[in-house]
Amino acid sequence: MKTRTYLAILLVIIPVQASLFSPLSLAGIKPDLAIALIYIIGLLTGPTEACLAGMAVGLVQDIGSASLLGMNATTLGLAGVGAGYLGRRVLDIASPMNVIFLASFSLMQGLVISLFLQTFYGAVPFFSLLITRLVPEAVYTGLLGTFLLRFMNRRNVMSLLMRRSLLKE
């Protein structure tokens, strides 16, 4: 992807997540735009670039939300690597399996953060959190990300985002 695109993503990810996605909340559960974007970047570019983008977006999220510094950066970087390998080897952009893979990446991110908090801080109601928060958010994020991917594919946004070297492949 182009450098200007990454800079724009880094500058607007938190305001867009906070302002445009708050009205989309269902019973207090909001989709995670960051992991959806990293998944899309992974499908378009590859594991290395998606990992770096995931780490950058995660670090911006960590700083913007005053959470544990590095947790989102690590989990989004790993999600970028996974999505990059899926995009290179397995998945097509138009595949309906994107909902399942994106939901599983979102669920894995939530599980890793929850288990980290449980291990080091204790008193996290893990199973209650899993059923009432993590699984519904993962499904919602999977649906949103697949909708964004199909919207971008129909509007030819993909060709605008990819570098010329990737378009020739």
Protein backbone atom coordinates (compact mmCIF):
# COMPACT_ATOMS: atom_id res chain seq x y z
CA MET A 1 0.00 0.00 0.00
CA LYS A 2 1.04 3.55 -0.43
CA THR A 3 2.75 5.50 2.34
CA ARG A 4 0.11 8.23 2.26
CA THR A 5 -2.57 5.62 2.82
CA TYR A 6 -0.82 4.28 5.92
CA LEU A 7 -0.35 7.78 7.28
CA ALA A 8 -4.04 8.54 6.75
CA ILE A 9 -5.02 5.29 8.49
CA LEU A 10 -2.81 6.11 11.47
CA LEU A 11 -4.24 9.60 11.77
CA VAL A 12 -7.93 8.73 11.50
CA ILE A 13 -8.27 5.24 13.00
CA ILE A 14 -9.10 6.37 16.54
CA PRO A 15 -11.46 9.25 15.62
CA VAL A 16 -13.34 7.09 13.10
CA GLN A 17 -13.58 4.19 15.55
CA ALA A 18 -14.83 6.50 18.30
CA SER A 19 -17.21 8.71 16.34
CA LEU A 20 -18.57 6.70 13.41
CA PHE A 21 -18.70 3.29 15.01
CA SER A 22 -20.29 4.31 18.32
CA PRO A 23 -23.75 4.52 16.72
CA LEU A 24 -23.22 1.00 15.34
CA SER A 25 -22.98 -0.49 18.82
CA LEU A 26 -25.42 -3.27 19.62
CA ALA A 27 -25.97 -3.83 23.34
CA GLY A 28 -22.71 -2.02 24.06
CA ILE A 29 -20.69 -4.15 21.63
CA LYS A 30 -18.86 -2.29 18.87
CA PRO A 31 -16.98 -3.78 15.93
CA ASP A 32 -13.20 -3.37 15.93
CA LEU A 33 -12.26 -1.34 12.88
CA ALA A 34 -8.53 -1.71 13.48
CA ILE A 35 -8.40 -5.49 13.18
CA ALA A 36 -10.71 -5.37 10.15
CA LEU A 37 -8.36 -2.93 8.42
CA ILE A 38 -5.28 -4.96 9.31
CA TYR A 39 -6.99 -8.07 7.95
CA ILE A 40 -7.73 -6.27 4.69
CA ILE A 41 -4.18 -4.93 4.50
CA GLY A 42 -2.88 -8.45 5.08
CA LEU A 43 -4.97 -9.85 2.25
CA LEU A 44 -3.79 -7.09 -0.09
CA THR A 45 -0.10 -6.83 0.71
CA GLY A 46 1.43 -9.78 2.52
CA PRO A 47 2.63 -10.78 5.96
CA THR A 48 5.57 -8.42 6.45
CA GLU A 49 3.80 -5.23 5.48
CA ALA A 50 0.64 -6.23 7.34
CA CYS A 51 2.66 -7.01 10.47
CA LEU A 52 4.28 -3.58 10.42
CA ALA A 53 0.95 -1.89 9.75
CA GLY A 54 -0.68 -3.88 12.56
CA MET A 55 2.04 -2.94 15.01
CA ALA A 56 1.76 0.74 14.06
CA VAL A 57 -2.03 0.83 14.29
CA GLY A 58 -1.94 -1.15 17.55
CA LEU A 59 0.58 1.24 19.05
CA VAL A 60 -1.59 4.21 18.07
CA GLN A 61 -4.55 2.46 19.69
CA ASP A 62 -2.56 1.72 22.84
CA ILE A 63 -1.44 5.32 23.14
CA GLY A 64 -4.89 6.72 22.33
CA SER A 65 -6.76 4.51 24.77
CA ALA A 66 -4.21 4.60 27.60
CA SER A 67 -4.20 0.81 27.75
CA LEU A 68 -1.26 -1.51 28.26
CA LEU A 69 1.41 -0.25 25.90
CA GLY A 70 2.23 -2.88 23.32
CA MET A 71 -0.69 -5.29 23.77
CA ASN A 72 -2.69 -4.12 20.76
CA ALA A 73 0.54 -3.62 18.81
CA THR A 74 1.55 -7.23 19.42
CA THR A 75 -1.84 -8.79 18.74
CA LEU A 76 -2.55 -6.69 15.64
CA GLY A 77 0.94 -7.43 14.32
CA LEU A 78 0.30 -11.16 14.71
CA ALA A 79 -3.12 -10.79 13.07
CA GLY A 80 -1.44 -8.99 10.16
CA VAL A 81 1.03 -11.84 9.72
CA GLY A 82 -1.79 -14.39 9.73
CA ALA A 83 -3.93 -12.42 7.30
CA GLY A 84 -0.93 -11.85 5.05
CA TYR A 85 -0.23 -15.57 4.82
CA LEU A 86 -3.90 -16.31 4.23
CA GLY A 87 -4.05 -13.73 1.45
CA ARG A 88 -0.94 -15.06 -0.26
CA ARG A 89 -1.67 -18.75 -0.01
CA VAL A 90 -5.28 -19.55 0.76
CA LEU A 91 -7.95 -16.89 0.53
CA ASP A 92 -9.50 -14.93 -2.26
CA ILE A 93 -10.77 -11.44 -1.53
CA ALA A 94 -14.32 -12.40 -2.52
CA SER A 95 -14.39 -15.59 -0.42
CA PRO A 96 -17.23 -15.93 2.09
CA MET A 97 -14.71 -17.54 4.48
CA ASN A 98 -13.40 -14.05 5.26
CA VAL A 99 -16.16 -13.68 7.87
CA ILE A 100 -14.95 -16.75 9.75
CA PHE A 101 -11.25 -15.93 9.52
CA LEU A 102 -11.71 -12.30 10.53
CA ALA A 103 -13.98 -13.29 13.43
CA SER A 104 -11.39 -15.83 14.59
CA PHE A 105 -8.60 -13.22 14.43
CA SER A 106 -10.75 -10.84 16.46
CA LEU A 107 -11.57 -13.57 18.98
CA MET A 108 -7.91 -14.56 19.28
CA GLN A 109 -6.94 -10.94 19.93
CA GLY A 110 -9.53 -10.69 22.71
CA LEU A 111 -8.48 -14.03 24.19
CA VAL A 112 -4.79 -13.14 24.27
CA ILE A 113 -5.45 -9.80 25.97
CA SER A 114 -7.90 -11.36 28.44
CA LEU A 115 -5.54 -14.20 29.34
CA PHE A 116 -2.70 -11.73 29.80
CA LEU A 117 -4.83 -9.63 32.14
CA GLN A 118 -6.00 -12.74 34.01
CA THR A 119 -2.44 -14.00 34.42
CA PHE A 120 -0.83 -10.80 35.58
CA TYR A 121 -3.66 -8.87 37.23
CA GLY A 122 -6.15 -11.60 38.20
CA ALA A 123 -9.86 -11.21 38.91
CA VAL A 124 -10.94 -11.11 35.25
CA PRO A 125 -14.24 -12.99 34.82
CA PHE A 126 -12.87 -14.89 31.83
CA PHE A 127 -15.78 -17.16 30.84
CA SER A 128 -18.37 -14.46 31.40
CA LEU A 129 -16.29 -12.07 29.33
CA LEU A 130 -15.87 -14.67 26.60
CA ILE A 131 -19.59 -15.31 26.18
CA THR A 132 -20.97 -11.83 26.75
CA ARG A 133 -18.30 -9.73 25.08
CA LEU A 134 -15.58 -11.45 23.06
CA VAL A 135 -17.62 -13.83 20.89
CA PRO A 136 -20.32 -11.27 19.93
CA GLU A 137 -17.65 -8.64 19.17
CA ALA A 138 -15.72 -11.14 17.04
CA VAL A 139 -18.80 -12.03 15.01
CA TYR A 140 -19.72 -8.37 14.60
CA THR A 141 -16.18 -7.48 13.52
CA GLY A 142 -16.12 -10.39 11.06
CA LEU A 143 -19.33 -9.20 9.44
CA LEU A 144 -18.19 -5.58 9.31
CA GLY A 145 -14.77 -6.44 7.87
CA THR A 146 -16.28 -8.62 5.18
CA PHE A 147 -18.73 -5.85 4.30
CA LEU A 148 -15.84 -3.36 4.04
CA LEU A 149 -13.84 -5.80 1.91
CA ARG A 150 -16.71 -6.34 -0.51
CA PHE A 151 -17.47 -2.61 -0.64
CA MET A 152 -13.85 -1.86 -1.45
CA ASN A 153 -13.76 -4.59 -4.08
CA ARG A 154 -16.92 -3.33 -5.83
CA ARG A 155 -15.78 0.29 -5.85
CA ASN A 156 -12.31 -0.55 -7.21
CA VAL A 157 -10.67 0.88 -4.12
CA MET A 158 -8.27 -2.07 -4.06
CA SER A 159 -6.39 -0.91 -7.15
CA LEU A 160 -5.97 2.54 -5.63
CA LEU A 161 -4.46 1.15 -2.45
CA MET A 162 -2.05 -1.40 -3.87
CA ARG A 163 1.38 -0.56 -5.17
CA ARG A 164 2.01 -0.94 -8.88
CA SER A 165 4.36 -3.87 -8.27
CA LEU A 166 1.55 -5.82 -6.58
CA LEU A 167 -0.93 -4.97 -9.33
CA LYS A 168 1.29 -6.60 -11.96
CA GLU A 169 1.34 -9.98 -10.15
